[in-house]
């Protein structure tokens, strides 16, 4: 997912309205930690799902069905 500059600017403006400017660094740090944690969680989940599936060759199964 990619965020354009205008979308990022809009998010920052809304954040300024919701959060006091002096708390922005604290909130941004916490948000960064949450995002990093979620990315790590999904990366680990993807790895755990792909690991058992890697022993199966789905490409060969598709080829054998064509015959």
N, C-alpha and C. Protein backbone atom coordinates (compact mmCIF):
# COMPACT_ATOMS: atom_id res chain seq x y z
N UNK A 1 0.85 -1.17 0.00
CA UNK A 1 0.00 0.00 0.00
C UNK A 1 0.90 1.24 0.00
N UNK A 2 0.64 2.13 -0.92
CA UNK A 2 1.42 3.35 -1.03
C UNK A 2 0.52 4.54 -0.70
N UNK A 3 1.08 5.48 0.03
CA UNK A 3 0.36 6.69 0.40
C UNK A 3 0.96 7.85 -0.38
N UNK A 4 0.11 8.59 -1.07
CA UNK A 4 0.60 9.73 -1.84
C UNK A 4 0.92 10.89 -0.89
N UNK A 5 1.63 11.86 -1.41
CA UNK A 5 2.03 13.02 -0.60
C UNK A 5 0.81 13.76 -0.08
N UNK A 6 -0.21 13.93 -0.92
CA UNK A 6 -1.41 14.66 -0.49
C UNK A 6 -2.15 13.90 0.62
N UNK A 7 -2.18 12.57 0.53
CA UNK A 7 -2.82 11.78 1.58
C UNK A 7 -2.03 11.89 2.89
N UNK A 8 -0.71 11.85 2.80
CA UNK A 8 0.13 11.99 3.99
C UNK A 8 -0.07 13.37 4.62
N UNK A 9 -0.15 14.39 3.81
CA UNK A 9 -0.37 15.75 4.31
C UNK A 9 -1.72 15.85 5.02
N UNK A 10 -2.74 15.24 4.46
CA UNK A 10 -4.07 15.26 5.07
C UNK A 10 -4.05 14.54 6.42
N UNK A 11 -3.37 13.41 6.48
CA UNK A 11 -3.26 12.65 7.74
C UNK A 11 -2.55 13.49 8.79
N UNK A 12 -1.48 14.17 8.41
CA UNK A 12 -0.75 15.01 9.35
C UNK A 12 -1.60 16.18 9.85
N UNK A 13 -2.38 16.79 8.97
CA UNK A 13 -3.25 17.89 9.37
C UNK A 13 -4.32 17.43 10.35
N UNK A 14 -4.93 16.28 10.08
CA UNK A 14 -5.93 15.74 11.00
C UNK A 14 -5.27 15.39 12.33
N UNK A 15 -4.09 14.82 12.29
CA UNK A 15 -3.37 14.47 13.52
C UNK A 15 -3.08 15.71 14.35
N UNK A 16 -2.74 16.82 13.71
CA UNK A 16 -2.49 18.07 14.43
C UNK A 16 -3.75 18.59 15.12
N UNK A 17 -4.89 18.35 14.50
CA UNK A 17 -6.14 18.78 15.11
C UNK A 17 -6.53 17.90 16.30
N UNK A 18 -6.22 16.63 16.22
CA UNK A 18 -6.61 15.67 17.25
C UNK A 18 -5.61 15.65 18.41
N UNK A 19 -4.34 15.73 18.10
CA UNK A 19 -3.29 15.62 19.10
C UNK A 19 -2.62 16.99 19.27
N UNK A 20 -2.35 17.33 20.51
CA UNK A 20 -1.66 18.60 20.76
C UNK A 20 -0.27 18.56 20.13
N UNK A 21 0.18 19.66 19.55
CA UNK A 21 1.49 19.68 18.87
C UNK A 21 2.65 19.23 19.75
N UNK A 22 2.61 19.53 21.04
CA UNK A 22 3.72 19.11 21.90
C UNK A 22 3.75 17.61 22.16
N UNK A 23 2.63 16.93 21.90
CA UNK A 23 2.58 15.47 22.07
C UNK A 23 2.84 14.71 20.77
N UNK A 24 2.95 15.42 19.65
CA UNK A 24 3.13 14.77 18.35
C UNK A 24 4.34 13.84 18.29
N UNK A 25 5.52 14.24 18.78
CA UNK A 25 6.66 13.31 18.71
C UNK A 25 6.40 12.00 19.48
N UNK A 26 5.77 12.13 20.65
CA UNK A 26 5.45 10.95 21.46
C UNK A 26 4.47 10.04 20.72
N UNK A 27 3.43 10.63 20.16
CA UNK A 27 2.42 9.86 19.43
C UNK A 27 3.02 9.23 18.17
N UNK A 28 3.84 9.98 17.46
CA UNK A 28 4.47 9.45 16.24
C UNK A 28 5.39 8.28 16.56
N UNK A 29 6.13 8.38 17.66
CA UNK A 29 7.01 7.28 18.08
C UNK A 29 6.20 6.03 18.40
N UNK A 30 5.11 6.20 19.15
CA UNK A 30 4.27 5.06 19.51
C UNK A 30 3.62 4.45 18.27
N UNK A 31 3.15 5.29 17.36
CA UNK A 31 2.54 4.80 16.12
C UNK A 31 3.56 4.02 15.30
N UNK A 32 4.79 4.52 15.24
CA UNK A 32 5.85 3.81 14.52
C UNK A 32 6.12 2.44 15.11
N UNK A 33 6.11 2.35 16.44
CA UNK A 33 6.31 1.05 17.10
C UNK A 33 5.18 0.09 16.78
N UNK A 34 3.93 0.61 16.76
CA UNK A 34 2.78 -0.24 16.44
C UNK A 34 2.86 -0.75 15.01
N UNK A 35 3.19 0.14 14.09
CA UNK A 35 3.29 -0.25 12.68
C UNK A 35 4.39 -1.30 12.49
N UNK A 36 5.53 -1.09 13.14
CA UNK A 36 6.63 -2.05 13.05
C UNK A 36 6.20 -3.41 13.61
N UNK A 37 5.50 -3.38 14.73
CA UNK A 37 5.02 -4.62 15.34
C UNK A 37 4.04 -5.36 14.45
N UNK A 38 3.13 -4.62 13.83
CA UNK A 38 2.14 -5.24 12.94
C UNK A 38 2.83 -5.82 11.71
N UNK A 39 3.80 -5.09 11.14
CA UNK A 39 4.53 -5.61 9.98
C UNK A 39 5.30 -6.88 10.33
N UNK A 40 5.92 -6.88 11.51
CA UNK A 40 6.65 -8.07 11.95
C UNK A 40 5.69 -9.24 12.15
N UNK A 41 4.55 -8.97 12.76
CA UNK A 41 3.55 -10.01 12.98
C UNK A 41 3.10 -10.64 11.66
N UNK A 42 2.76 -9.81 10.68
CA UNK A 42 2.31 -10.33 9.40
C UNK A 42 3.43 -11.02 8.63
N UNK A 43 4.65 -10.52 8.76
CA UNK A 43 5.79 -11.17 8.11
C UNK A 43 6.01 -12.56 8.68
N UNK A 44 5.94 -12.67 10.01
CA UNK A 44 6.10 -13.97 10.65
C UNK A 44 4.96 -14.91 10.28
N UNK A 45 3.74 -14.38 10.23
CA UNK A 45 2.58 -15.18 9.86
C UNK A 45 2.72 -15.70 8.43
N UNK A 46 3.15 -14.83 7.53
CA UNK A 46 3.34 -15.23 6.13
C UNK A 46 4.39 -16.34 6.03
N UNK A 47 5.48 -16.17 6.79
CA UNK A 47 6.55 -17.17 6.80
C UNK A 47 6.03 -18.52 7.31
N UNK A 48 5.24 -18.49 8.38
CA UNK A 48 4.70 -19.72 8.96
C UNK A 48 3.73 -20.42 8.01
N UNK A 49 3.01 -19.66 7.22
CA UNK A 49 2.07 -20.25 6.26
C UNK A 49 2.81 -20.79 5.05
N UNK A 50 3.81 -20.05 4.56
CA UNK A 50 4.53 -20.46 3.36
C UNK A 50 5.45 -21.65 3.61
N UNK A 51 5.98 -21.78 4.82
CA UNK A 51 6.92 -22.84 5.12
C UNK A 51 6.33 -24.23 4.85
N UNK A 52 5.17 -24.57 5.41
CA UNK A 52 4.61 -25.90 5.12
C UNK A 52 4.15 -26.06 3.67
N UNK A 53 3.73 -24.96 3.06
CA UNK A 53 3.24 -25.04 1.68
C UNK A 53 4.37 -25.18 0.67
N UNK A 54 5.59 -24.81 1.06
CA UNK A 54 6.70 -24.83 0.11
C UNK A 54 7.07 -26.25 -0.31
N UNK A 55 6.70 -27.25 0.47
CA UNK A 55 7.03 -28.62 0.08
C UNK A 55 6.11 -29.15 -1.02
N UNK A 56 5.02 -28.44 -1.28
CA UNK A 56 4.12 -28.82 -2.36
C UNK A 56 4.43 -27.96 -3.58
N UNK A 57 4.44 -28.58 -4.72
CA UNK A 57 4.70 -27.84 -5.94
C UNK A 57 3.37 -27.64 -6.66
N UNK A 58 2.80 -26.48 -6.51
CA UNK A 58 1.50 -26.20 -7.12
C UNK A 58 1.62 -26.05 -8.63
N UNK A 59 2.79 -25.65 -9.10
CA UNK A 59 3.00 -25.51 -10.53
C UNK A 59 2.86 -26.86 -11.23
N UNK A 60 3.42 -27.90 -10.65
CA UNK A 60 3.32 -29.24 -11.24
C UNK A 60 1.88 -29.73 -11.23
N UNK A 61 1.14 -29.41 -10.16
CA UNK A 61 -0.26 -29.85 -10.06
C UNK A 61 -1.09 -29.24 -11.18
N UNK A 62 -0.86 -27.98 -11.50
CA UNK A 62 -1.59 -27.33 -12.57
C UNK A 62 -1.25 -27.98 -13.91
N UNK A 63 0.01 -28.33 -14.11
CA UNK A 63 0.44 -28.94 -15.37
C UNK A 63 -0.21 -30.33 -15.53
N UNK A 64 -0.27 -31.09 -14.45
CA UNK A 64 -0.82 -32.44 -14.54
C UNK A 64 -2.32 -32.44 -14.77
N UNK A 65 -3.00 -31.38 -14.38
CA UNK A 65 -4.44 -31.27 -14.59
C UNK A 65 -4.78 -30.98 -16.04
N UNK A 66 -3.83 -30.40 -16.77
CA UNK A 66 -4.08 -30.06 -18.17
C UNK A 66 -4.16 -31.32 -19.03
N UNK A 67 -3.52 -32.37 -18.59
CA UNK A 67 -3.46 -33.59 -19.43
C UNK A 67 -4.73 -34.35 -19.45
